[in-house]
Amino acid sequence: MARGSLVGLVSVLVLSLVALVHQPAVWLGVELAVIGIAYFPVGGALQLASVRNIGTSHRRSILVRSGVGYLLALIGVFGGANLNIANTKP
């Protein structure tokens, strides 16, 4: 459980730093999308380890908690893609 919390906290820290750096909006969109995509394999590996260690008793609660994290990461990917689409000039 602590590893998953650590990954989430580090992810939020990196997202905050990326948002504070002065840069073009297109680069911000790319960075947000890459961070969101990179969260999926790390979070998935931690989820598999948690499910294997805990067993069958609390699988549903683990899936719900990690599902919320994946949803937030997916929203970040869509937000980054939106920044890229909105700021590219034809």
PDB file of N, CA and C in Angstrom:
ATOM      1  N   MET A   1       0.820  -1.188   0.000  1.00  0.00           N
ATOM      2  CA  MET A   1       0.000   0.000   0.000  1.00  0.00           C
ATOM      3  C   MET A   1       0.864   1.252   0.000  1.00  0.00           C
ATOM      4  N   ALA A   2       1.937   1.231   0.741  1.00  0.00           N
ATOM      5  CA  ALA A   2       2.792   2.421   0.823  1.00  0.00           C
ATOM      6  C   ALA A   2       3.479   2.697  -0.501  1.00  0.00           C
ATOM      7  N   ARG A   3       3.807   1.638  -1.248  1.00  0.00           N
ATOM      8  CA  ARG A   3       4.450   1.857  -2.553  1.00  0.00           C
ATOM      9  C   ARG A   3       3.510   2.564  -3.509  1.00  0.00           C
ATOM     10  N   GLY A   4       2.247   2.194  -3.506  1.00  0.00           N
ATOM     11  CA  GLY A   4       1.274   2.853  -4.363  1.00  0.00           C
ATOM     12  C   GLY A   4       1.081   4.312  -3.989  1.00  0.00           C
ATOM     13  N   SER A   5       1.084   4.595  -2.703  1.00  0.00           N
ATOM     14  CA  SER A   5       0.959   5.975  -2.252  1.00  0.00           C
ATOM     15  C   SER A   5       2.185   6.782  -2.649  1.00  0.00           C
ATOM     16  N   LEU A   6       3.352   6.173  -2.562  1.00  0.00           N
ATOM     17  CA  LEU A   6       4.577   6.856  -2.944  1.00  0.00           C
ATOM     18  C   LEU A   6       4.577   7.182  -4.432  1.00  0.00           C
ATOM     19  N   VAL A   7       4.135   6.246  -5.248  1.00  0.00           N
ATOM     20  CA  VAL A   7       4.074   6.492  -6.687  1.00  0.00           C
ATOM     21  C   VAL A   7       3.099   7.626  -6.990  1.00  0.00           C
ATOM     22  N   GLY A   8       1.968   7.648  -6.318  1.00  0.00           N
ATOM     23  CA  GLY A   8       1.001   8.719  -6.523  1.00  0.00           C
ATOM     24  C   GLY A   8       1.542  10.071  -6.098  1.00  0.00           C
ATOM     25  N   LEU A   9       2.230  10.110  -4.963  1.00  0.00           N
ATOM     26  CA  LEU A   9       2.793  11.373  -4.485  1.00  0.00           C
ATOM     27  C   LEU A   9       3.899  11.877  -5.408  1.00  0.00           C
ATOM     28  N   VAL A  10       4.742  10.987  -5.874  1.00  0.00           N
ATOM     29  CA  VAL A  10       5.807  11.395  -6.805  1.00  0.00           C
ATOM     30  C   VAL A  10       5.201  11.875  -8.112  1.00  0.00           C
ATOM     31  N   SER A  11       4.161  11.207  -8.574  1.00  0.00           N
ATOM     32  CA  SER A  11       3.493  11.624  -9.801  1.00  0.00           C
ATOM     33  C   SER A  11       2.901  13.024  -9.663  1.00  0.00           C
ATOM     34  N   VAL A  12       2.267  13.298  -8.538  1.00  0.00           N
ATOM     35  CA  VAL A  12       1.700  14.636  -8.308  1.00  0.00           C
ATOM     36  C   VAL A  12       2.803  15.689  -8.216  1.00  0.00           C
ATOM     37  N   LEU A  13       3.915  15.356  -7.581  1.00  0.00           N
ATOM     38  CA  LEU A  13       5.042  16.279  -7.490  1.00  0.00           C
ATOM     39  C   LEU A  13       5.594  16.602  -8.870  1.00  0.00           C
ATOM     40  N   VAL A  14       5.771  15.593  -9.703  1.00  0.00           N
ATOM     41  CA  VAL A  14       6.297  15.820 -11.057  1.00  0.00           C
ATOM     42  C   VAL A  14       5.304  16.642 -11.877  1.00  0.00           C
ATOM     43  N   LEU A  15       4.023  16.341 -11.768  1.00  0.00           N
ATOM     44  CA  LEU A  15       3.015  17.123 -12.499  1.00  0.00           C
ATOM     45  C   LEU A  15       3.019  18.579 -12.053  1.00  0.00           C
ATOM     46  N   SER A  16       3.183  18.820 -10.773  1.00  0.00           N
ATOM     47  CA  SER A  16       3.231  20.193 -10.260  1.00  0.00           C
ATOM     48  C   SER A  16       4.440  20.936 -10.783  1.00  0.00           C
ATOM     49  N   LEU A  17       5.581  20.272 -10.794  1.00  0.00           N
ATOM     50  CA  LEU A  17       6.790  20.913 -11.312  1.00  0.00           C
ATOM     51  C   LEU A  17       6.686  21.197 -12.806  1.00  0.00           C
ATOM     52  N   VAL A  18       6.096  20.282 -13.551  1.00  0.00           N
ATOM     53  CA  VAL A  18       5.929  20.485 -14.988  1.00  0.00           C
ATOM     54  C   VAL A  18       5.018  21.681 -15.245  1.00  0.00           C
ATOM     55  N   ALA A  19       3.974  21.814 -14.446  1.00  0.00           N
ATOM     56  CA  ALA A  19       3.043  22.928 -14.645  1.00  0.00           C
ATOM     57  C   ALA A  19       3.661  24.273 -14.269  1.00  0.00           C
ATOM     58  N   LEU A  20       4.609  24.282 -13.345  1.00  0.00           N
ATOM     59  CA  LEU A  20       5.213  25.534 -12.904  1.00  0.00           C
ATOM     60  C   LEU A  20       6.336  26.033 -13.820  1.00  0.00           C
ATOM     61  N   VAL A  21       6.926  25.150 -14.593  1.00  0.00           N
ATOM     62  CA  VAL A  21       8.033  25.543 -15.477  1.00  0.00           C
ATOM     63  C   VAL A  21       7.482  26.365 -16.629  1.00  0.00           C
ATOM     64  N   HIS A  22       8.151  27.494 -16.914  1.00  0.00           N
ATOM     65  CA  HIS A  22       7.736  28.347 -18.031  1.00  0.00           C
ATOM     66  C   HIS A  22       8.151  27.685 -19.339  1.00  0.00           C
ATOM     67  N   GLN A  23       7.150  27.334 -20.150  1.00  0.00           N
ATOM     68  CA  GLN A  23       7.395  26.638 -21.409  1.00  0.00           C
ATOM     69  C   GLN A  23       6.186  26.822 -22.318  1.00  0.00           C
ATOM     70  N   PRO A  24       6.351  26.545 -23.605  1.00  0.00           N
ATOM     71  CA  PRO A  24       5.200  26.627 -24.510  1.00  0.00           C
ATOM     72  C   PRO A  24       4.123  25.608 -24.132  1.00  0.00           C
ATOM     73  N   ALA A  25       2.896  25.939 -24.455  1.00  0.00           N
ATOM     74  CA  ALA A  25       1.768  25.072 -24.086  1.00  0.00           C
ATOM     75  C   ALA A  25       1.839  23.720 -24.783  1.00  0.00           C
ATOM     76  N   VAL A  26       2.409  23.683 -25.980  1.00  0.00           N
ATOM     77  CA  VAL A  26       2.516  22.413 -26.690  1.00  0.00           C
ATOM     78  C   VAL A  26       3.426  21.452 -25.930  1.00  0.00           C
ATOM     79  N   TRP A  27       4.549  21.953 -25.411  1.00  0.00           N
ATOM     80  CA  TRP A  27       5.444  21.106 -24.634  1.00  0.00           C
ATOM     81  C   TRP A  27       4.777  20.652 -23.341  1.00  0.00           C
ATOM     82  N   LEU A  28       4.019  21.535 -22.724  1.00  0.00           N
ATOM     83  CA  LEU A  28       3.300  21.157 -21.512  1.00  0.00           C
ATOM     84  C   LEU A  28       2.330  20.024 -21.807  1.00  0.00           C
ATOM     85  N   GLY A  29       1.635  20.117 -22.917  1.00  0.00           N
ATOM     86  CA  GLY A  29       0.708  19.051 -23.296  1.00  0.00           C
ATOM     87  C   GLY A  29       1.412  17.726 -23.516  1.00  0.00           C
ATOM     88  N   VAL A  30       2.551  17.764 -24.179  1.00  0.00           N
ATOM     89  CA  VAL A  30       3.318  16.534 -24.413  1.00  0.00           C
ATOM     90  C   VAL A  30       3.778  15.939 -23.086  1.00  0.00           C
ATOM     91  N   GLU A  31       4.289  16.782 -22.200  1.00  0.00           N
ATOM     92  CA  GLU A  31       4.782  16.286 -20.915  1.00  0.00           C
ATOM     93  C   GLU A  31       3.657  15.714 -20.060  1.00  0.00           C
ATOM     94  N   LEU A  32       2.505  16.364 -20.048  1.00  0.00           N
ATOM     95  CA  LEU A  32       1.373  15.838 -19.284  1.00  0.00           C
ATOM     96  C   LEU A  32       0.929  14.479 -19.827  1.00  0.00           C
ATOM     97  N   ALA A  33       0.887  14.351 -21.142  1.00  0.00           N
ATOM     98  CA  ALA A  33       0.482  13.079 -21.748  1.00  0.00           C
ATOM     99  C   ALA A  33       1.494  11.978 -21.443  1.00  0.00           C
ATOM    100  N   VAL A  34       2.780  12.289 -21.528  1.00  0.00           N
ATOM    101  CA  VAL A  34       3.809  11.278 -21.263  1.00  0.00           C
ATOM    102  C   VAL A  34       3.780  10.840 -19.801  1.00  0.00           C
ATOM    103  N   ILE A  35       3.592  11.771 -18.890  1.00  0.00           N
ATOM    104  CA  ILE A  35       3.529  11.419 -17.472  1.00  0.00           C
ATOM    105  C   ILE A  35       2.310  10.537 -17.200  1.00  0.00           C
ATOM    106  N   GLY A  36       1.180  10.884 -17.810  1.00  0.00           N
ATOM    107  CA  GLY A  36      -0.018  10.063 -17.627  1.00  0.00           C
ATOM    108  C   GLY A  36       0.140   8.665 -18.191  1.00  0.00           C
ATOM    109  N   ILE A  37       0.768   8.559 -19.349  1.00  0.00           N
ATOM    110  CA  ILE A  37       0.990   7.245 -19.959  1.00  0.00           C
ATOM    111  C   ILE A  37       1.999   6.442 -19.145  1.00  0.00           C
ATOM    112  N   ALA A  38       3.021   7.103 -18.610  1.00  0.00           N
ATOM    113  CA  ALA A  38       4.038   6.399 -17.822  1.00  0.00           C
ATOM    114  C   ALA A  38       3.475   5.885 -16.503  1.00  0.00           C
ATOM    115  N   TYR A  39       2.396   6.477 -16.024  1.00  0.00           N
ATOM    116  CA  TYR A  39       1.800   6.031 -14.759  1.00  0.00           C
ATOM    117  C   TYR A  39       1.159   4.642 -14.904  1.00  0.00           C
ATOM    118  N   PHE A  40       0.645   4.325 -16.077  1.00  0.00           N
ATOM    119  CA  PHE A  40      -0.078   3.066 -16.255  1.00  0.00           C
ATOM    120  C   PHE A  40       0.774   1.825 -15.981  1.00  0.00           C
ATOM    121  N   PRO A  41       1.962   1.663 -16.572  1.00  0.00           N
ATOM    122  CA  PRO A  41       2.722   0.440 -16.266  1.00  0.00           C
ATOM    123  C   PRO A  41       3.226   0.385 -14.818  1.00  0.00           C
ATOM    124  N   VAL A  42       3.602   1.533 -14.266  1.00  0.00           N
ATOM    125  CA  VAL A  42       4.086   1.536 -12.878  1.00  0.00           C
ATOM    126  C   VAL A  42       2.937   1.197 -11.926  1.00  0.00           C
ATOM    127  N   GLY A  43       1.815   1.851 -12.114  1.00  0.00           N
ATOM    128  CA  GLY A  43       0.654   1.565 -11.272  1.00  0.00           C
ATOM    129  C   GLY A  43       0.140   0.148 -11.455  1.00  0.00           C
ATOM    130  N   GLY A  44       0.182  -0.342 -12.682  1.00  0.00           N
ATOM    131  CA  GLY A  44      -0.260  -1.710 -12.945  1.00  0.00           C
ATOM    132  C   GLY A  44       0.615  -2.750 -12.269  1.00  0.00           C
ATOM    133  N   ALA A  45       1.926  -2.523 -12.296  1.00  0.00           N
ATOM    134  CA  ALA A  45       2.830  -3.469 -11.639  1.00  0.00           C
ATOM    135  C   ALA A  45       2.601  -3.481 -10.130  1.00  0.00           C
ATOM    136  N   LEU A  46       2.411  -2.308  -9.545  1.00  0.00           N
ATOM    137  CA  LEU A  46       2.143  -2.249  -8.104  1.00  0.00           C
ATOM    138  C   LEU A  46       0.795  -2.870  -7.757  1.00  0.00           C
ATOM    139  N   GLN A  47      -0.174  -2.694  -8.647  1.00  0.00           N
ATOM    140  CA  GLN A  47      -1.486  -3.299  -8.419  1.00  0.00           C
ATOM    141  C   GLN A  47      -1.401  -4.815  -8.439  1.00  0.00           C
ATOM    142  N   LEU A  48      -0.684  -5.365  -9.406  1.00  0.00           N
ATOM    143  CA  LEU A  48      -0.541  -6.818  -9.464  1.00  0.00           C
ATOM    144  C   LEU A  48       0.165  -7.359  -8.226  1.00  0.00           C
ATOM    145  N   ALA A  49       1.179  -6.653  -7.762  1.00  0.00           N
ATOM    146  CA  ALA A  49       1.879  -7.085  -6.550  1.00  0.00           C
ATOM    147  C   ALA A  49       0.950  -7.038  -5.338  1.00  0.00           C
ATOM    148  N   SER A  50       0.124  -6.009  -5.247  1.00  0.00           N
ATOM    149  CA  SER A  50      -0.801  -5.898  -4.112  1.00  0.00           C
ATOM    150  C   SER A  50      -1.851  -7.000  -4.126  1.00  0.00           C
ATOM    151  N   VAL A  51      -2.380  -7.295  -5.294  1.00  0.00           N
ATOM    152  CA  VAL A  51      -3.419  -8.316  -5.398  1.00  0.00           C
ATOM    153  C   VAL A  51      -2.829  -9.687  -5.071  1.00  0.00           C
ATOM    154  N   ARG A  52      -1.614  -9.950  -5.524  1.00  0.00           N
ATOM    155  CA  ARG A  52      -0.996 -11.247  -5.222  1.00  0.00           C
ATOM    156  C   ARG A  52      -0.680 -11.391  -3.740  1.00  0.00           C
ATOM    157  N   ASN A  53      -0.262 -10.309  -3.094  1.00  0.00           N
ATOM    158  CA  ASN A  53       0.103 -10.398  -1.684  1.00  0.00           C
ATOM    159  C   ASN A  53      -1.105 -10.481  -0.761  1.00  0.00           C
ATOM    160  N   ILE A  54      -2.164  -9.773  -1.084  1.00  0.00           N
ATOM    161  CA  ILE A  54      -3.315  -9.714  -0.177  1.00  0.00           C
ATOM    162  C   ILE A  54      -4.211 -10.934  -0.326  1.00  0.00           C
ATOM    163  N   GLY A  55      -4.355 -11.417  -1.517  1.00  0.00           N
ATOM    164  CA  GLY A  55      -5.233 -12.564  -1.720  1.00  0.00           C
ATOM    165  C   GLY A  55      -6.595 -12.113  -2.214  1.00  0.00           C
ATOM    166  N   THR A  56      -7.610 -12.891  -1.912  1.00  0.00           N
ATOM    167  CA  THR A  56      -8.933 -12.642  -2.481  1.00  0.00           C
ATOM    168  C   THR A  56      -9.829 -11.776  -1.606  1.00  0.00           C
ATOM    169  N   SER A  57      -9.442 -11.480  -0.388  1.00  0.00           N
ATOM    170  CA  SER A  57     -10.364 -10.827   0.538  1.00  0.00           C
ATOM    171  C   SER A  57     -10.623  -9.356   0.206  1.00  0.00           C
ATOM    172  N   HIS A  58      -9.643  -8.628  -0.276  1.00  0.00           N
ATOM    173  CA  HIS A  58      -9.820  -7.198  -0.500  1.00  0.00           C
ATOM    174  C   HIS A  58      -9.549  -6.790  -1.946  1.00  0.00           C
ATOM    175  N   ARG A  59      -9.712  -7.684  -2.864  1.00  0.00           N
ATOM    176  CA  ARG A  59      -9.406  -7.362  -4.259  1.00  0.00           C
ATOM    177  C   ARG A  59     -10.284  -6.254  -4.809  1.00  0.00           C
ATOM    178  N   ARG A  60     -11.555  -6.275  -4.459  1.00  0.00           N
ATOM    179  CA  ARG A  60     -12.474  -5.268  -4.999  1.00  0.00           C
ATOM    180  C   ARG A  60     -12.073  -3.861  -4.566  1.00  0.00           C
ATOM    181  N   SER A  61     -11.715  -3.675  -3.315  1.00  0.00           N
ATOM    182  CA  SER A  61     -11.333  -2.347  -2.844  1.00  0.00           C
ATOM    183  C   SER A  61     -10.033  -1.888  -3.495  1.00  0.00           C
ATOM    184  N   ILE A  62      -9.105  -2.806  -3.725  1.00  0.00           N
ATOM    185  CA  ILE A  62      -7.859  -2.449  -4.409  1.00  0.00           C
ATOM    186  C   ILE A  62      -8.153  -2.033  -5.836  1.00  0.00           C
ATOM    187  N   LEU A  63      -9.032  -2.764  -6.504  1.00  0.00           N
ATOM    188  CA  LEU A  63      -9.369  -2.425  -7.890  1.00  0.00           C
ATOM    189  C   LEU A  63     -10.072  -1.075  -7.987  1.00  0.00           C
ATOM    190  N   VAL A  64     -10.925  -0.765  -7.035  1.00  0.00           N
ATOM    191  CA  VAL A  64     -11.620   0.525  -7.055  1.00  0.00           C
ATOM    192  C   VAL A  64     -10.636   1.666  -6.835  1.00  0.00           C
ATOM    193  N   ARG A  65      -9.751   1.531  -5.853  1.00  0.00           N
ATOM    194  CA  ARG A  65      -8.774   2.592  -5.582  1.00  0.00           C
ATOM    195  C   ARG A  65      -7.833   2.800  -6.759  1.00  0.00           C
ATOM    196  N   SER A  66      -7.332   1.721  -7.328  1.00  0.00           N
ATOM    197  CA  SER A  66      -6.412   1.884  -8.453  1.00  0.00           C
ATOM    198  C   SER A  66      -7.157   2.358  -9.694  1.00  0.00           C
ATOM    199  N   GLY A  67      -8.419   1.981  -9.824  1.00  0.00           N
ATOM    200  CA  GLY A  67      -9.209   2.458 -10.957  1.00  0.00           C
ATOM    201  C   GLY A  67      -9.370   3.964 -10.947  1.00  0.00           C
ATOM    202  N   VAL A  68      -9.515   4.540  -9.762  1.00  0.00           N
ATOM    203  CA  VAL A  68      -9.594   5.998  -9.655  1.00  0.00           C
ATOM    204  C   VAL A  68      -8.268   6.626 -10.079  1.00  0.00           C
ATOM    205  N   GLY A  69      -7.161   6.035  -9.683  1.00  0.00           N
ATOM    206  CA  GLY A  69      -5.847   6.537 -10.100  1.00  0.00           C
ATOM    207  C   GLY A  69      -5.660   6.457 -11.599  1.00  0.00           C
ATOM    208  N   TYR A  70      -6.090   5.349 -12.203  1.00  0.00           N
ATOM    209  CA  TYR A  70      -5.995   5.219 -13.664  1.00  0.00           C
ATOM    210  C   TYR A  70      -6.883   6.230 -14.366  1.00  0.00           C
ATOM    211  N   LEU A  71      -8.051   6.481 -13.803  1.00  0.00           N
ATOM    212  CA  LEU A  71      -8.952   7.470 -14.396  1.00  0.00           C
ATOM    213  C   LEU A  71      -8.328   8.862 -14.362  1.00  0.00           C
ATOM    214  N   LEU A  72      -7.716   9.219 -13.256  1.00  0.00           N
ATOM    215  CA  LEU A  72      -7.051  10.517 -13.166  1.00  0.00           C
ATOM    216  C   LEU A  72      -5.876  10.612 -14.139  1.00  0.00           C
ATOM    217  N   ALA A  73      -5.127   9.525 -14.301  1.00  0.00           N
ATOM    218  CA  ALA A  73      -4.022   9.522 -15.261  1.00  0.00           C
ATOM    219  C   ALA A  73      -4.554   9.658 -16.688  1.00  0.00           C
ATOM    220  N   LEU A  74      -5.661   9.004 -16.975  1.00  0.00           N
ATOM    221  CA  LEU A  74      -6.261   9.106 -18.307  1.00  0.00           C
ATOM    222  C   LEU A  74      -6.775  10.515 -18.577  1.00  0.00           C
ATOM    223  N   ILE A  75      -7.319  11.168 -17.566  1.00  0.00           N
ATOM    224  CA  ILE A  75      -7.746  12.559 -17.708  1.00  0.00           C
ATOM    225  C   ILE A  75      -6.541  13.442 -18.005  1.00  0.00           C
ATOM    226  N   GLY A  76      -5.397  13.173 -17.382  1.00  0.00           N
ATOM    227  CA  GLY A  76      -4.180  13.922 -17.679  1.00  0.00           C
ATOM    228  C   GLY A  76      -3.713  13.722 -19.101  1.00  0.00           C
ATOM    229  N   VAL A  77      -3.835  12.499 -19.614  1.00  0.00           N
ATOM    230  CA  VAL A  77      -3.459  12.228 -21.003  1.00  0.00           C
ATOM    231  C   VAL A  77      -4.377  13.001 -21.947  1.00  0.00           C
ATOM    232  N   PHE A  78      -5.678  12.981 -21.692  1.00  0.00           N
ATOM    233  CA  PHE A  78      -6.610  13.722 -22.544  1.00  0.00           C
ATOM    234  C   PHE A  78      -6.387  15.229 -22.443  1.00  0.00           C
ATOM    235  N   GLY A  79      -6.079  15.713 -21.241  1.00  0.00           N
ATOM    236  CA  GLY A  79      -5.784  17.135 -21.080  1.00  0.00           C
ATOM    237  C   GLY A  79      -4.538  17.546 -21.839  1.00  0.00           C
ATOM    238  N   GLY A  80      -3.504  16.715 -21.792  1.00  0.00           N
ATOM    239  CA  GLY A  80      -2.285  16.994 -22.547  1.00  0.00           C
ATOM    240  C   GLY A  80      -2.521  16.976 -24.040  1.00  0.00           C
ATOM    241  N   ALA A  81      -3.315  16.013 -24.502  1.00  0.00           N
ATOM    242  CA  ALA A  81      -3.645  15.956 -25.935  1.00  0.00           C
ATOM    243  C   ALA A  81      -4.464  17.181 -26.340  1.00  0.00           C
ATOM    244  N   ASN A  82      -5.350  17.615 -25.471  1.00  0.00           N
ATOM    245  CA  ASN A  82      -6.158  18.797 -25.764  1.00  0.00           C
ATOM    246  C   ASN A  82      -5.291  20.039 -25.880  1.00  0.00           C
ATOM    247  N   LEU A  83      -4.303  20.179 -25.003  1.00  0.00           N
ATOM    248  CA  LEU A  83      -3.380  21.319 -25.103  1.00  0.00           C
ATOM    249  C   LEU A  83      -2.618  21.284 -26.424  1.00  0.00           C
ATOM    250  N   ASN A  84      -2.220  20.109 -26.866  1.00  0.00           N
ATOM    251  CA  ASN A  84      -1.509  20.002 -28.133  1.00  0.00           C
ATOM    252  C   ASN A  84      -2.401  20.355 -29.314  1.00  0.00           C
ATOM    253  N   ILE A  85      -3.608  19.866 -29.303  1.00  0.00           N
ATOM    254  CA  ILE A  85      -4.537  20.116 -30.416  1.00  0.00           C
ATOM    255  C   ILE A  85      -4.927  21.586 -30.473  1.00  0.00           C
ATOM    256  N   ALA A  86      -5.181  22.197 -29.315  1.00  0.00           N
ATOM    257  CA  ALA A  86      -5.640  23.569 -29.273  1.00  0.00           C
ATOM    258  C   ALA A  86      -4.541  24.558 -29.625  1.00  0.00           C
ATOM    259  N   ASN A  87      -3.289  24.221 -29.402  1.00  0.00           N
ATOM    260  CA  ASN A  87      -2.208  25.184 -29.597  1.00  0.00           C
ATOM    261  C   ASN A  87      -1.368  24.946 -30.835  1.00  0.00           C
ATOM    262  N   THR A  88      -1.685  23.960 -31.631  1.00  0.00           N
ATOM    263  CA  THR A  88      -0.949  23.776 -32.878  1.00  0.00           C
ATOM    264  C   THR A  88      -1.582  24.644 -33.942  1.00  0.00           C
ATOM    265  N   LYS A  89      -0.750  25.306 -34.702  1.00  0.00           N
ATOM    266  CA  LYS A  89      -1.250  26.207 -35.740  1.00  0.00           C
ATOM    267  C   LYS A  89      -1.266  25.481 -37.083  1.00  0.00           C
ATOM    268  N   PRO A  90      -2.330  25.668 -37.856  1.00  0.00           N
ATOM    269  CA  PRO A  90      -2.430  24.969 -39.147  1.00  0.00           C
ATOM    270  C   PRO A  90      -1.445  25.488 -40.173  1.00  0.00           C
TER     271      PRO A  90
END
